[in-house]
Amino acid sequence: MTKAQIVEEIVQKTGLTKKDVAETVDQFLKAISEALAKGKHLEIRGFGTFKVKNRKSRMARNPRTGDPVPVPERNVPVFKVSKELKDLVAATNPIDEDNPPQPAL
C-alpha cells in the first residue's frame, strides 16, 4: 500500500479533503522522521515502537572477491510491532481485502 492509497482510504472514510489528509499524513511521517533523527523513542500503543539502535562496527566480506571490508558503526532506525498488531495480523490469514479485520479495542 502506498502513501497515496492510505490518503485515499482516509479521505473515503472521513470525508475530509484530500489536500488536508495528505498534509496530515506528511506531517505525521515528518514528525516520526525528525524524532528518530534526534535519537528519540516513539511508541504508538496498539501499533508499535520506533527506536534508533546503534550497530557496532564489524568486518564484512565483499561477495564478489571475498576480501574483508570494514563496516563502520552507525545508527539505524528499527520498528518493533506491538502484540496487538501482531495478533491481529496472525488472525487474518489468508488476507481477505473485501472484509478486513476490525481491531479489538
N, C-alpha and C. Protein backbone atom coordinates (compact mmCIF):
# COMPACT_ATOMS: atom_id res chain seq x y z
N MET A 1 0.85 -1.17 0.00
CA MET A 1 0.00 0.00 0.00
C MET A 1 0.90 1.24 0.00
N THR A 2 0.59 2.19 -0.85
CA THR A 2 1.39 3.40 -0.95
C THR A 2 0.79 4.51 -0.07
N LYS A 3 1.56 5.57 0.10
CA LYS A 3 1.08 6.71 0.88
C LYS A 3 -0.17 7.29 0.23
N ALA A 4 -0.19 7.36 -1.09
CA ALA A 4 -1.36 7.90 -1.81
C ALA A 4 -2.59 7.03 -1.56
N GLN A 5 -2.42 5.72 -1.49
CA GLN A 5 -3.54 4.83 -1.21
C GLN A 5 -4.04 5.00 0.22
N ILE A 6 -3.13 5.23 1.16
CA ILE A 6 -3.52 5.48 2.54
C ILE A 6 -4.33 6.77 2.61
N VAL A 7 -3.85 7.82 1.94
CA VAL A 7 -4.56 9.09 1.91
C VAL A 7 -5.95 8.90 1.34
N GLU A 8 -6.05 8.20 0.24
CA GLU A 8 -7.35 8.00 -0.42
C GLU A 8 -8.31 7.23 0.49
N GLU A 9 -7.81 6.23 1.20
CA GLU A 9 -8.67 5.46 2.10
C GLU A 9 -9.18 6.32 3.25
N ILE A 10 -8.31 7.17 3.80
CA ILE A 10 -8.72 8.06 4.88
C ILE A 10 -9.74 9.07 4.38
N VAL A 11 -9.54 9.60 3.17
CA VAL A 11 -10.49 10.55 2.57
C VAL A 11 -11.87 9.90 2.45
N GLN A 12 -11.91 8.66 1.98
CA GLN A 12 -13.19 7.96 1.81
C GLN A 12 -13.87 7.71 3.14
N LYS A 13 -13.10 7.39 4.18
CA LYS A 13 -13.70 7.07 5.47
C LYS A 13 -14.10 8.30 6.28
N THR A 14 -13.41 9.42 6.07
CA THR A 14 -13.66 10.59 6.91
C THR A 14 -14.43 11.70 6.20
N GLY A 15 -14.34 11.75 4.87
CA GLY A 15 -14.99 12.83 4.15
C GLY A 15 -14.18 14.11 4.14
N LEU A 16 -12.99 14.10 4.71
CA LEU A 16 -12.12 15.27 4.68
C LEU A 16 -11.56 15.46 3.27
N THR A 17 -10.99 16.63 3.03
CA THR A 17 -10.43 16.87 1.70
C THR A 17 -9.13 16.11 1.54
N LYS A 18 -8.84 15.75 0.31
CA LYS A 18 -7.62 15.01 0.01
C LYS A 18 -6.38 15.83 0.39
N LYS A 19 -6.44 17.13 0.17
CA LYS A 19 -5.32 18.02 0.48
C LYS A 19 -5.03 18.01 1.99
N ASP A 20 -6.09 18.10 2.81
CA ASP A 20 -5.91 18.12 4.26
C ASP A 20 -5.36 16.79 4.77
N VAL A 21 -5.89 15.70 4.25
CA VAL A 21 -5.43 14.38 4.68
C VAL A 21 -3.98 14.16 4.26
N ALA A 22 -3.64 14.53 3.04
CA ALA A 22 -2.27 14.36 2.55
C ALA A 22 -1.29 15.17 3.40
N GLU A 23 -1.67 16.39 3.76
CA GLU A 23 -0.81 17.23 4.60
C GLU A 23 -0.64 16.62 5.99
N THR A 24 -1.72 16.07 6.54
CA THR A 24 -1.66 15.45 7.86
C THR A 24 -0.75 14.22 7.84
N VAL A 25 -0.90 13.38 6.84
CA VAL A 25 -0.06 12.18 6.72
C VAL A 25 1.40 12.59 6.55
N ASP A 26 1.66 13.59 5.71
CA ASP A 26 3.04 14.06 5.52
C ASP A 26 3.63 14.58 6.83
N GLN A 27 2.86 15.36 7.58
CA GLN A 27 3.35 15.91 8.84
C GLN A 27 3.58 14.81 9.88
N PHE A 28 2.71 13.80 9.88
CA PHE A 28 2.88 12.68 10.79
C PHE A 28 4.19 11.95 10.51
N LEU A 29 4.43 11.64 9.25
CA LEU A 29 5.66 10.95 8.87
C LEU A 29 6.90 11.81 9.12
N LYS A 30 6.77 13.11 8.89
CA LYS A 30 7.87 14.03 9.14
C LYS A 30 8.20 14.08 10.63
N ALA A 31 7.17 14.09 11.48
CA ALA A 31 7.39 14.12 12.92
C ALA A 31 8.12 12.86 13.38
N ILE A 32 7.74 11.72 12.85
CA ILE A 32 8.41 10.47 13.20
C ILE A 32 9.87 10.52 12.74
N SER A 33 10.10 10.96 11.51
CA SER A 33 11.46 11.03 10.96
C SER A 33 12.34 11.97 11.78
N GLU A 34 11.81 13.14 12.13
CA GLU A 34 12.60 14.11 12.90
C GLU A 34 12.92 13.60 14.30
N ALA A 35 11.95 12.93 14.93
CA ALA A 35 12.18 12.39 16.27
C ALA A 35 13.26 11.31 16.22
N LEU A 36 13.20 10.43 15.23
CA LEU A 36 14.22 9.39 15.10
C LEU A 36 15.59 9.99 14.80
N ALA A 37 15.63 11.04 13.99
CA ALA A 37 16.90 11.70 13.68
C ALA A 37 17.53 12.29 14.94
N LYS A 38 16.70 12.67 15.92
CA LYS A 38 17.20 13.20 17.19
C LYS A 38 17.49 12.09 18.20
N GLY A 39 17.25 10.83 17.79
CA GLY A 39 17.52 9.70 18.67
C GLY A 39 16.40 9.40 19.65
N LYS A 40 15.22 9.97 19.43
CA LYS A 40 14.11 9.76 20.35
C LYS A 40 13.41 8.43 20.09
N HIS A 41 12.68 7.99 21.08
CA HIS A 41 11.93 6.74 21.07
C HIS A 41 10.44 7.11 20.93
N LEU A 42 9.73 6.48 19.98
CA LEU A 42 8.30 6.76 19.79
C LEU A 42 7.50 5.48 20.00
N GLU A 43 6.44 5.59 20.76
CA GLU A 43 5.57 4.44 20.98
C GLU A 43 4.15 4.82 20.59
N ILE A 44 3.57 4.04 19.69
CA ILE A 44 2.18 4.22 19.30
C ILE A 44 1.46 2.98 19.82
N ARG A 45 0.72 3.14 20.90
CA ARG A 45 0.07 2.00 21.56
C ARG A 45 -0.84 1.26 20.60
N GLY A 46 -0.74 -0.04 20.61
CA GLY A 46 -1.55 -0.87 19.74
C GLY A 46 -0.99 -1.01 18.33
N PHE A 47 0.09 -0.29 18.03
CA PHE A 47 0.69 -0.35 16.70
C PHE A 47 2.13 -0.82 16.77
N GLY A 48 2.97 -0.08 17.51
CA GLY A 48 4.36 -0.49 17.62
C GLY A 48 5.24 0.62 18.14
N THR A 49 6.55 0.34 18.16
CA THR A 49 7.54 1.25 18.71
C THR A 49 8.64 1.50 17.68
N PHE A 50 8.97 2.77 17.51
CA PHE A 50 10.08 3.18 16.66
C PHE A 50 11.24 3.56 17.57
N LYS A 51 12.43 3.05 17.27
CA LYS A 51 13.63 3.35 18.05
C LYS A 51 14.81 3.55 17.11
N VAL A 52 15.88 4.08 17.68
CA VAL A 52 17.16 4.15 16.98
C VAL A 52 18.12 3.27 17.75
N LYS A 53 18.75 2.33 17.05
CA LYS A 53 19.73 1.46 17.68
C LYS A 53 21.09 1.71 17.05
N ASN A 54 22.12 1.47 17.84
CA ASN A 54 23.48 1.62 17.36
C ASN A 54 24.00 0.27 16.90
N ARG A 55 24.44 0.20 15.66
CA ARG A 55 25.07 -1.02 15.14
C ARG A 55 26.57 -0.85 15.26
N LYS A 56 27.22 -1.79 15.89
CA LYS A 56 28.66 -1.73 16.10
C LYS A 56 29.40 -1.94 14.77
N SER A 57 30.63 -1.46 14.74
CA SER A 57 31.44 -1.68 13.54
C SER A 57 31.78 -3.16 13.45
N ARG A 58 31.99 -3.63 12.23
CA ARG A 58 32.28 -5.05 12.03
C ARG A 58 33.03 -5.22 10.71
N MET A 59 33.52 -6.42 10.52
CA MET A 59 34.17 -6.76 9.26
C MET A 59 33.19 -7.60 8.44
N ALA A 60 32.99 -7.20 7.21
CA ALA A 60 32.13 -7.96 6.29
C ALA A 60 33.01 -8.47 5.15
N ARG A 61 32.40 -9.15 4.21
CA ARG A 61 33.14 -9.68 3.06
C ARG A 61 32.51 -9.16 1.78
N ASN A 62 33.36 -8.79 0.83
CA ASN A 62 32.89 -8.43 -0.50
C ASN A 62 32.45 -9.74 -1.16
N PRO A 63 31.17 -9.87 -1.55
CA PRO A 63 30.70 -11.14 -2.09
C PRO A 63 31.37 -11.53 -3.41
N ARG A 64 31.84 -10.56 -4.16
CA ARG A 64 32.47 -10.86 -5.44
C ARG A 64 33.90 -11.36 -5.28
N THR A 65 34.66 -10.66 -4.42
CA THR A 65 36.09 -11.00 -4.30
C THR A 65 36.42 -11.79 -3.04
N GLY A 66 35.55 -11.70 -2.04
CA GLY A 66 35.82 -12.37 -0.78
C GLY A 66 36.73 -11.58 0.13
N ASP A 67 37.15 -10.39 -0.29
CA ASP A 67 38.02 -9.55 0.52
C ASP A 67 37.27 -9.00 1.72
N PRO A 68 37.93 -8.88 2.87
CA PRO A 68 37.28 -8.27 4.04
C PRO A 68 37.08 -6.77 3.82
N VAL A 69 35.92 -6.28 4.26
CA VAL A 69 35.58 -4.87 4.11
C VAL A 69 35.09 -4.37 5.47
N PRO A 70 35.68 -3.28 5.99
CA PRO A 70 35.21 -2.76 7.27
C PRO A 70 33.86 -2.03 7.10
N VAL A 71 32.92 -2.31 8.00
CA VAL A 71 31.63 -1.62 8.01
C VAL A 71 31.65 -0.75 9.27
N PRO A 72 31.53 0.57 9.13
CA PRO A 72 31.64 1.44 10.30
C PRO A 72 30.41 1.36 11.21
N GLU A 73 30.59 1.80 12.43
CA GLU A 73 29.49 1.90 13.39
C GLU A 73 28.48 2.92 12.86
N ARG A 74 27.19 2.63 13.09
CA ARG A 74 26.18 3.57 12.62
C ARG A 74 24.88 3.38 13.40
N ASN A 75 24.04 4.40 13.38
CA ASN A 75 22.71 4.34 13.98
C ASN A 75 21.71 3.93 12.91
N VAL A 76 20.78 3.06 13.28
CA VAL A 76 19.76 2.60 12.33
C VAL A 76 18.39 2.67 13.00
N PRO A 77 17.35 3.05 12.22
CA PRO A 77 16.00 3.03 12.78
C PRO A 77 15.47 1.60 12.80
N VAL A 78 14.74 1.27 13.86
CA VAL A 78 14.13 -0.05 13.97
C VAL A 78 12.67 0.13 14.39
N PHE A 79 11.84 -0.84 14.02
CA PHE A 79 10.43 -0.82 14.38
C PHE A 79 10.08 -2.16 15.01
N LYS A 80 9.45 -2.11 16.17
CA LYS A 80 9.01 -3.33 16.84
C LYS A 80 7.48 -3.31 16.87
N VAL A 81 6.88 -4.34 16.33
CA VAL A 81 5.43 -4.44 16.24
C VAL A 81 4.84 -4.71 17.62
N SER A 82 3.69 -4.08 17.91
CA SER A 82 3.02 -4.34 19.19
C SER A 82 2.38 -5.71 19.18
N LYS A 83 2.12 -6.22 20.36
CA LYS A 83 1.48 -7.53 20.48
C LYS A 83 0.09 -7.50 19.84
N GLU A 84 -0.65 -6.40 20.02
CA GLU A 84 -2.00 -6.30 19.46
C GLU A 84 -1.97 -6.39 17.94
N LEU A 85 -1.05 -5.68 17.30
CA LEU A 85 -0.95 -5.71 15.85
C LEU A 85 -0.48 -7.08 15.37
N LYS A 86 0.47 -7.65 16.08
CA LYS A 86 0.98 -8.98 15.72
C LYS A 86 -0.15 -10.01 15.77
N ASP A 87 -0.96 -9.95 16.82
CA ASP A 87 -2.08 -10.88 16.96
C ASP A 87 -3.13 -10.65 15.88
N LEU A 88 -3.39 -9.40 15.54
CA LEU A 88 -4.37 -9.06 14.50
C LEU A 88 -3.94 -9.62 13.15
N VAL A 89 -2.66 -9.47 12.82
CA VAL A 89 -2.13 -9.97 11.55
C VAL A 89 -2.15 -11.50 11.53
N ALA A 90 -1.79 -12.11 12.64
CA ALA A 90 -1.75 -13.58 12.71
C ALA A 90 -3.15 -14.18 12.57
N ALA A 91 -4.17 -13.45 13.01
CA ALA A 91 -5.53 -13.97 13.00
C ALA A 91 -6.21 -13.81 11.64
N THR A 92 -5.57 -13.16 10.70
CA THR A 92 -6.23 -12.86 9.42
C THR A 92 -5.54 -13.50 8.24
N ASN A 93 -5.18 -14.77 8.35
CA ASN A 93 -4.59 -15.46 7.21
C ASN A 93 -5.61 -16.35 6.56
N PRO A 94 -5.80 -16.40 5.28
CA PRO A 94 -5.20 -15.50 4.30
C PRO A 94 -5.87 -14.13 4.31
N ILE A 95 -5.23 -13.17 3.69
CA ILE A 95 -5.74 -11.80 3.68
C ILE A 95 -6.98 -11.73 2.80
N ASP A 96 -8.06 -11.21 3.37
CA ASP A 96 -9.30 -11.00 2.64
C ASP A 96 -9.54 -9.51 2.57
N GLU A 97 -9.17 -8.88 1.45
CA GLU A 97 -9.25 -7.42 1.34
C GLU A 97 -10.68 -6.90 1.32
N ASP A 98 -11.67 -7.75 0.99
CA ASP A 98 -13.06 -7.30 0.98
C ASP A 98 -13.62 -7.20 2.40
N ASN A 99 -13.09 -7.99 3.32
CA ASN A 99 -13.56 -7.99 4.71
C ASN A 99 -12.37 -7.87 5.65
N PRO A 100 -11.76 -6.68 5.76
CA PRO A 100 -10.59 -6.54 6.61
C PRO A 100 -10.99 -6.73 8.07
N PRO A 101 -10.04 -7.21 8.90
CA PRO A 101 -10.33 -7.43 10.31
C PRO A 101 -10.52 -6.11 11.03
N GLN A 102 -11.35 -6.11 12.06
CA GLN A 102 -11.55 -4.93 12.87
C GLN A 102 -10.68 -5.08 14.12
N PRO A 103 -9.91 -4.04 14.47
CA PRO A 103 -9.05 -4.15 15.64
C PRO A 103 -9.87 -4.27 16.92
N ALA A 104 -9.38 -5.07 17.84
CA ALA A 104 -10.03 -5.22 19.13
C ALA A 104 -9.57 -4.09 20.03
N LEU A 105 -10.49 -3.29 20.47
CA LEU A 105 -10.13 -2.16 21.33
C LEU A 105 -10.48 -2.43 22.71
